């Protein structure tokens, strides 16, 4: 493959993805830049590796998508990714010419002596909501995915028996929600019907999730030692920052992690601190692993490269926010959910 290249010049080869529009996950960068599907691997020659060792400290505070940020760094040195079909897509069946190939199925662990199967009886889902969304987002959530979920509560600053919600001791803030997140963790820790479960999942009231896919993924992970799982971002990770699970895709914690945080006494500096980032800070202080899975999504499907998402259609676990994406379409086409029929709803985004 590399015979046609001059090895003295930096080279980058891989399965190329690209954005067709500005997206928040790539810092609203200009669309069109080719970036590698790193799950399939990316080939860098020594000239490219040596070039990276000489680069200045990355200027970005937030590390959202390492694949795209790698391509931006390459572009800054006038090195552009070369697209190669030999770095093969997961859905490809014939692999005679593949240099690399990966499967989404490999992210799901079958039950075995090492991995006891997780079931819906082992998890508890807590949905963050507020009074302002009781009549809009919550009914839509019920239609899309929460009706029929065995262990689930809506957590709000106001008790509403029509839903029903459970009242938690935290105000509803416009952004941040750290106080609400910590109050939910305390509820999970203090109430036996939740604390008896192996896993707790905290989601926003504009997140859509496939629970049956989630429990299959969770079989891969230990419940004995603390773990936090979801779509991982970083804040100043290149210096002395920390990783965190971005909350929109859902934050998955085993009970060992919740007990560690609550017993530590860590508190929010302010009610409206970013809950996901504060949890990342707590996790770093407590040496709790913050683990990434690409099956959780902080943004709607239209934000991700279609070529990349195509392979996840039978495996994606969550998407967050709706924007121009039709919620029913996200639920049915991307998450494989059966949506309950009902008249149109007004959605507060």
Protein backbone atom coordinates (compact mmCIF):
# COMPACT_ATOMS: atom_id res chain seq x y z
CA UNK A 1 0.00 0.00 0.00
CA UNK A 2 2.64 2.49 1.03
CA UNK A 3 5.05 1.77 -1.85
CA UNK A 4 3.80 4.76 -3.87
CA UNK A 5 4.56 7.22 -1.05
CA UNK A 6 7.74 9.11 -0.26
CA UNK A 7 8.59 7.95 3.26
CA UNK A 8 10.44 11.16 4.07
CA UNK A 9 7.14 13.06 3.90
CA UNK A 10 4.41 12.72 6.55
CA UNK A 11 1.71 10.24 5.49
CA UNK A 12 -1.72 9.50 6.93
CA UNK A 13 -3.97 6.80 5.44
CA UNK A 14 -7.29 5.44 6.68
CA UNK A 15 -11.02 5.04 6.18
CA UNK A 16 -12.10 8.62 5.64
CA UNK A 17 -15.19 10.25 7.11
CA UNK A 18 -16.37 13.80 6.55
CA UNK A 19 -19.05 16.24 7.68
CA UNK A 20 -21.51 17.75 5.25
CA UNK A 21 -22.36 20.66 7.55
CA UNK A 22 -21.10 22.51 10.62
CA UNK A 23 -21.55 20.35 13.73
CA UNK A 24 -21.02 21.11 17.40
CA UNK A 25 -19.11 17.88 18.02
CA UNK A 26 -16.36 19.19 15.74
CA UNK A 27 -16.31 22.71 17.16
CA UNK A 28 -18.33 23.95 14.16
CA UNK A 29 -15.29 23.53 11.91
CA UNK A 30 -15.65 24.06 8.19
CA UNK A 31 -17.21 20.90 6.65
CA UNK A 32 -15.41 18.73 4.14
CA UNK A 33 -12.23 17.85 6.01
CA UNK A 34 -11.47 14.12 5.79
CA UNK A 35 -10.92 12.53 9.18
CA UNK A 36 -10.20 8.86 9.98
CA UNK A 37 -12.56 6.24 11.32
CA UNK A 38 -10.03 5.31 13.99
CA UNK A 39 -11.92 2.12 14.85
CA UNK A 40 -10.56 0.83 11.53
CA UNK A 41 -7.13 2.19 12.38
CA UNK A 42 -5.09 4.98 10.82
CA UNK A 43 -1.65 4.54 9.28
CA UNK A 44 0.96 7.17 10.13
CA UNK A 45 4.54 6.84 8.91
CA UNK A 46 7.47 7.80 11.13
CA UNK A 47 7.71 11.22 9.50
CA UNK A 48 4.12 11.93 10.65
CA UNK A 49 4.79 10.56 14.14
CA UNK A 50 7.92 12.70 14.50
CA UNK A 51 5.96 15.71 13.28
CA UNK A 52 3.43 15.21 16.08
CA UNK A 53 6.11 15.08 18.74
CA UNK A 54 7.13 18.61 17.73
CA UNK A 55 3.64 20.12 17.72
CA UNK A 56 2.78 22.76 20.28
CA UNK A 57 0.29 21.97 23.05
CA UNK A 58 -3.20 21.68 21.50
CA UNK A 59 -5.09 24.96 22.00
CA UNK A 60 -8.54 23.41 22.54
CA UNK A 61 -9.84 23.20 26.08
CA UNK A 62 -12.44 20.59 25.11
CA UNK A 63 -11.50 17.31 23.47
CA UNK A 64 -14.69 16.01 21.90
CA UNK A 65 -13.76 13.81 18.94
CA UNK A 66 -10.14 12.69 18.76
CA UNK A 67 -10.57 11.52 15.15
CA UNK A 68 -11.50 14.97 13.88
CA UNK A 69 -9.01 16.74 16.13
CA UNK A 70 -6.26 14.49 14.74
CA UNK A 71 -7.23 15.51 11.19
CA UNK A 72 -7.23 19.19 12.17
CA UNK A 73 -3.70 18.81 13.59
CA UNK A 74 -2.58 17.06 10.39
CA UNK A 75 -4.12 19.80 8.28
CA UNK A 76 -2.23 22.39 10.29
CA UNK A 77 0.98 20.76 9.03
CA UNK A 78 -0.36 20.45 5.46
CA UNK A 79 -0.86 16.70 5.82
CA UNK A 80 -4.23 15.47 4.57
CA UNK A 81 -5.73 12.05 5.19
CA UNK A 82 -5.70 9.71 2.22
CA UNK A 83 -8.88 7.66 1.96
CA UNK A 84 -8.31 3.94 1.49
CA UNK A 85 -10.95 1.25 0.97
CA UNK A 86 -8.50 -1.25 2.45
CA UNK A 87 -9.42 0.10 5.88
CA UNK A 88 -12.73 -1.66 5.78
CA UNK A 89 -16.21 -0.79 6.98
CA UNK A 90 -17.86 -3.03 9.60
CA UNK A 91 -20.73 -3.95 7.28
CA UNK A 92 -18.36 -5.22 4.57
CA UNK A 93 -18.74 -8.98 4.14
CA UNK A 94 -15.92 -9.74 1.68
CA UNK A 95 -12.59 -8.86 3.28
CA UNK A 96 -10.02 -10.26 0.84
CA UNK A 97 -8.39 -6.86 0.27
CA UNK A 98 -8.78 -5.47 3.79
CA UNK A 99 -5.78 -4.31 5.77
CA UNK A 100 -8.00 -3.77 8.81
CA UNK A 101 -11.60 -4.54 9.67
CA UNK A 102 -13.69 -4.18 12.82
CA UNK A 103 -17.16 -5.19 13.85
CA UNK A 104 -19.68 -3.41 16.06
CA UNK A 105 -20.68 -6.82 17.41
CA UNK A 106 -17.28 -7.03 19.10
CA UNK A 107 -18.45 -4.31 21.51
CA UNK A 108 -21.15 -6.63 22.88
CA UNK A 109 -20.08 -9.34 25.34
CA UNK A 110 -21.91 -12.67 25.41
CA UNK A 111 -22.68 -14.12 28.79
CA UNK A 112 -19.89 -16.44 29.96
CA UNK A 113 -18.09 -17.52 33.09
CA UNK A 114 -16.26 -14.19 33.00
CA UNK A 115 -19.29 -12.09 32.08
CA UNK A 116 -22.58 -12.81 33.80
CA UNK A 117 -25.42 -11.54 31.64
CA UNK A 118 -26.97 -8.24 32.70
CA UNK A 119 -30.77 -8.03 32.38
CA UNK A 120 -33.34 -5.27 32.76
CA UNK A 121 -33.77 -6.43 36.37
CA UNK A 122 -30.19 -5.29 37.06
CA UNK A 123 -30.57 -1.67 35.99
CA UNK A 124 -32.47 1.43 37.12
CA UNK A 125 -33.03 4.49 34.91
CA UNK A 126 -33.49 7.98 36.35
CA UNK A 127 -34.68 10.68 33.96
CA UNK A 128 -33.77 14.29 34.79
CA UNK A 129 -36.69 16.60 34.08
CA UNK A 130 -38.29 19.77 35.37
CA UNK A 131 -41.78 21.20 35.73
CA UNK A 132 -41.34 23.28 32.58
CA UNK A 133 -41.12 20.06 30.54
CA UNK A 134 -43.75 17.91 32.27
CA UNK A 135 -46.33 18.56 29.55
CA UNK A 136 -44.02 18.46 26.54
CA UNK A 137 -40.88 16.35 26.74
CA UNK A 138 -42.15 13.76 29.21
CA UNK A 139 -45.20 12.65 27.13
CA UNK A 140 -42.94 12.37 24.10
CA UNK A 141 -40.41 10.29 26.04
CA UNK A 142 -43.18 7.92 27.06
CA UNK A 143 -44.25 7.48 23.45
CA UNK A 144 -40.72 6.96 22.20
CA UNK A 145 -39.10 4.65 24.73
CA UNK A 146 -39.88 4.86 28.45
CA UNK A 147 -43.31 3.21 28.52
CA UNK A 148 -42.74 -0.40 29.46
CA UNK A 149 -39.25 0.14 30.91
CA UNK A 150 -39.31 -1.88 34.10
CA UNK A 151 -37.25 0.22 36.54
CA UNK A 152 -37.52 3.93 35.76
CA UNK A 153 -38.34 7.18 37.55
CA UNK A 154 -38.74 10.77 36.43
CA UNK A 155 -36.88 13.11 38.79
CA UNK A 156 -38.11 16.68 39.07
CA UNK A 157 -38.13 19.61 41.47
CA UNK A 158 -41.91 19.22 41.62
CA UNK A 159 -44.01 16.18 42.42
CA UNK A 160 -46.52 15.46 39.65
CA UNK A 161 -48.71 12.41 40.15
CA UNK A 162 -49.98 12.50 36.58
CA UNK A 163 -46.58 11.35 35.28
CA UNK A 164 -45.62 10.43 38.06
CA UNK A 165 -42.44 12.23 39.10
CA UNK A 166 -40.38 11.84 42.24
CA UNK A 167 -39.46 15.10 43.93
CA UNK A 168 -35.77 15.62 44.53
CA UNK A 169 -34.20 18.21 46.75
CA UNK A 170 -32.59 20.40 44.09
CA UNK A 171 -33.72 23.43 42.08
CA UNK A 172 -34.29 23.31 38.33
CA UNK A 173 -31.55 25.45 36.76
CA UNK A 174 -31.44 26.68 33.17
CA UNK A 175 -28.12 24.96 32.59
CA UNK A 176 -25.56 22.94 34.48
CA UNK A 177 -27.84 20.81 36.70
CA UNK A 178 -25.05 19.70 39.05
CA UNK A 179 -27.25 19.97 42.14
CA UNK A 180 -29.97 17.92 40.45
CA UNK A 181 -27.48 15.26 39.33
CA UNK A 182 -26.03 14.91 42.83
CA UNK A 183 -29.51 14.75 44.36
CA UNK A 184 -30.33 11.92 41.96
CA UNK A 185 -27.14 10.06 42.96
CA UNK A 186 -28.10 10.46 46.61
CA UNK A 187 -31.56 9.09 45.85
CA UNK A 188 -30.02 6.08 44.12
CA UNK A 189 -27.69 5.50 47.07
CA UNK A 190 -30.33 5.96 49.78
CA UNK A 191 -33.28 4.02 48.36
CA UNK A 192 -33.05 0.24 48.46
CA UNK A 193 -35.22 -0.30 45.38
CA UNK A 194 -32.48 1.49 43.41
CA UNK A 195 -29.34 0.70 45.40
CA UNK A 196 -30.06 -3.03 45.09
CA UNK A 197 -29.49 -2.76 41.33
CA UNK A 198 -26.10 -3.24 39.67
CA UNK A 199 -26.31 -0.26 37.31
CA UNK A 200 -27.93 3.18 37.37
CA UNK A 201 -28.45 5.20 34.19
CA UNK A 202 -29.10 8.95 34.37
CA UNK A 203 -30.53 10.52 31.21
CA UNK A 204 -31.94 13.87 30.13
CA UNK A 205 -35.60 14.27 29.26
CA UNK A 206 -34.65 14.81 25.61
CA UNK A 207 -32.53 11.66 25.32
CA UNK A 208 -33.85 8.61 23.45
CA UNK A 209 -32.48 5.22 24.50
CA UNK A 210 -32.78 1.56 23.53
CA UNK A 211 -32.68 -0.25 26.87
CA UNK A 212 -32.44 -3.79 25.48
CA UNK A 213 -29.27 -2.84 23.60
CA UNK A 214 -27.90 -1.17 26.71
CA UNK A 215 -28.17 -4.27 28.88
CA UNK A 216 -26.32 -6.32 26.25
CA UNK A 217 -23.45 -3.84 26.34
CA UNK A 218 -23.32 -3.78 30.15
CA UNK A 219 -22.53 -7.47 30.28
CA UNK A 220 -19.00 -6.42 29.23
CA UNK A 221 -18.29 -4.46 32.39
CA UNK A 222 -17.51 -5.22 36.01
CA UNK A 223 -19.95 -4.42 38.77
CA UNK A 224 -17.41 -5.09 41.52
CA UNK A 225 -15.22 -2.01 41.05
CA UNK A 226 -16.37 1.56 40.24
CA UNK A 227 -17.08 2.30 36.57
CA UNK A 228 -18.62 5.27 34.75
CA UNK A 229 -19.58 4.67 31.12
CA UNK A 230 -20.96 6.62 28.14
CA UNK A 231 -19.70 8.94 25.40
CA UNK A 232 -16.44 10.31 26.79
CA UNK A 233 -15.21 13.85 26.29
CA UNK A 234 -12.15 15.52 27.78
CA UNK A 235 -11.42 18.89 29.34
CA UNK A 236 -7.78 19.93 28.98
CA UNK A 237 -6.91 16.26 28.81
CA UNK A 238 -3.56 17.12 27.23
CA UNK A 239 -2.44 18.88 30.41
CA UNK A 240 -3.87 18.37 33.90
CA UNK A 241 -7.54 18.10 33.03
CA UNK A 242 -9.92 15.19 33.18
CA UNK A 243 -12.23 12.97 31.14
CA UNK A 244 -15.98 13.01 31.63
CA UNK A 245 -19.10 11.33 30.27
CA UNK A 246 -21.13 13.88 28.35
CA UNK A 247 -24.56 13.68 29.91
CA UNK A 248 -26.79 13.92 26.86
CA UNK A 249 -25.98 10.43 25.67
CA UNK A 250 -26.69 9.06 29.12
CA UNK A 251 -24.40 8.54 32.12
CA UNK A 252 -24.09 4.92 33.20
CA UNK A 253 -22.71 4.19 36.67
CA UNK A 254 -22.44 0.97 38.57
CA UNK A 255 -23.45 1.09 42.23
CA UNK A 256 -19.81 0.83 43.27
CA UNK A 257 -19.15 4.17 41.54
CA UNK A 258 -22.19 5.83 43.14
CA UNK A 259 -21.19 4.64 46.60
CA UNK A 260 -17.66 5.96 46.07
CA UNK A 261 -18.89 9.43 45.06
CA UNK A 262 -21.49 9.75 47.82
CA UNK A 263 -19.19 8.50 50.59
CA UNK A 264 -16.44 10.89 49.44
CA UNK A 265 -18.60 13.90 50.32
CA UNK A 266 -17.81 15.70 47.06
CA UNK A 267 -20.24 18.55 46.39
CA UNK A 268 -21.09 20.94 43.57
CA UNK A 269 -19.43 24.35 43.82
CA UNK A 270 -22.72 25.80 42.53
CA UNK A 271 -26.15 24.39 41.70
CA UNK A 272 -25.71 25.16 38.01
CA UNK A 273 -22.21 23.74 37.56
CA UNK A 274 -22.06 21.38 34.54
CA UNK A 275 -23.11 18.08 36.06
CA UNK A 276 -21.21 15.88 33.61
CA UNK A 277 -17.95 17.81 34.03
CA UNK A 278 -18.22 17.86 37.82
CA UNK A 279 -18.76 14.10 37.77
CA UNK A 280 -15.61 13.85 35.65
CA UNK A 281 -13.66 15.84 38.25
CA UNK A 282 -14.99 13.63 41.05
CA UNK A 283 -14.12 10.49 39.08
CA UNK A 284 -10.54 11.64 38.57
CA UNK A 285 -10.10 12.44 42.27
CA UNK A 286 -11.53 9.05 43.23
CA UNK A 287 -9.67 7.08 40.52
CA UNK A 288 -12.94 5.89 38.98
CA UNK A 289 -12.40 4.76 35.36
CA UNK A 290 -14.33 6.88 32.83
CA UNK A 291 -14.96 4.53 29.92
CA UNK A 292 -16.01 5.38 26.36
CA UNK A 293 -18.50 3.59 24.14
CA UNK A 294 -19.29 4.96 20.65
CA UNK A 295 -22.82 3.57 20.96
CA UNK A 296 -23.89 6.53 23.13
CA UNK A 297 -24.45 9.82 21.32
CA UNK A 298 -24.53 13.33 22.79
CA UNK A 299 -26.09 14.71 19.62
CA UNK A 300 -28.78 13.68 17.08
CA UNK A 301 -27.95 11.37 14.13
CA UNK A 302 -27.62 14.26 11.66
CA UNK A 303 -24.59 15.48 13.63
CA UNK A 304 -22.55 12.36 12.89
CA UNK A 305 -21.08 11.23 9.57
CA UNK A 306 -23.67 8.98 7.92
CA UNK A 307 -20.93 6.67 6.65
CA UNK A 308 -19.85 6.13 10.27
CA UNK A 309 -23.35 5.74 11.74
CA UNK A 310 -24.48 3.29 9.07
CA UNK A 311 -22.68 0.44 10.80
CA UNK A 312 -24.38 1.23 14.13
CA UNK A 313 -28.00 0.94 13.02
CA UNK A 314 -28.54 -2.33 14.88
CA UNK A 315 -26.43 -1.39 17.90
CA UNK A 316 -26.68 2.34 18.74
CA UNK A 317 -27.94 2.86 22.29
CA UNK A 318 -28.82 6.55 22.59
CA UNK A 319 -29.19 9.91 20.86
CA UNK A 320 -29.72 13.29 22.46
CA UNK A 321 -31.69 16.34 21.35
CA UNK A 322 -33.86 16.52 18.28
CA UNK A 323 -33.01 19.72 16.38
CA UNK A 324 -34.16 19.12 12.81
CA UNK A 325 -34.18 15.36 13.39
CA UNK A 326 -37.72 14.03 13.83
CA UNK A 327 -37.81 12.27 17.23
CA UNK A 328 -40.01 9.42 15.98
CA UNK A 329 -37.58 8.83 13.10
CA UNK A 330 -34.58 8.79 15.42
CA UNK A 331 -36.34 6.27 17.67
CA UNK A 332 -37.52 3.93 14.92
CA UNK A 333 -34.81 4.15 12.24
CA UNK A 334 -31.68 4.58 14.35
CA UNK A 335 -32.63 2.90 17.62
CA UNK A 336 -35.00 0.18 16.40
CA UNK A 337 -37.81 1.22 18.74
CA UNK A 338 -41.52 0.79 18.14
CA UNK A 339 -43.08 4.22 18.62
CA UNK A 340 -46.56 4.46 20.11
CA UNK A 341 -49.11 6.08 17.80
CA UNK A 342 -50.56 9.37 18.93
CA UNK A 343 -51.35 12.85 17.62
CA UNK A 344 -48.61 15.47 17.16
CA UNK A 345 -47.05 16.95 20.28
CA UNK A 346 -45.59 20.38 20.92
CA UNK A 347 -41.93 19.85 21.77
CA UNK A 348 -39.98 22.32 23.88
CA UNK A 349 -36.35 21.95 22.85
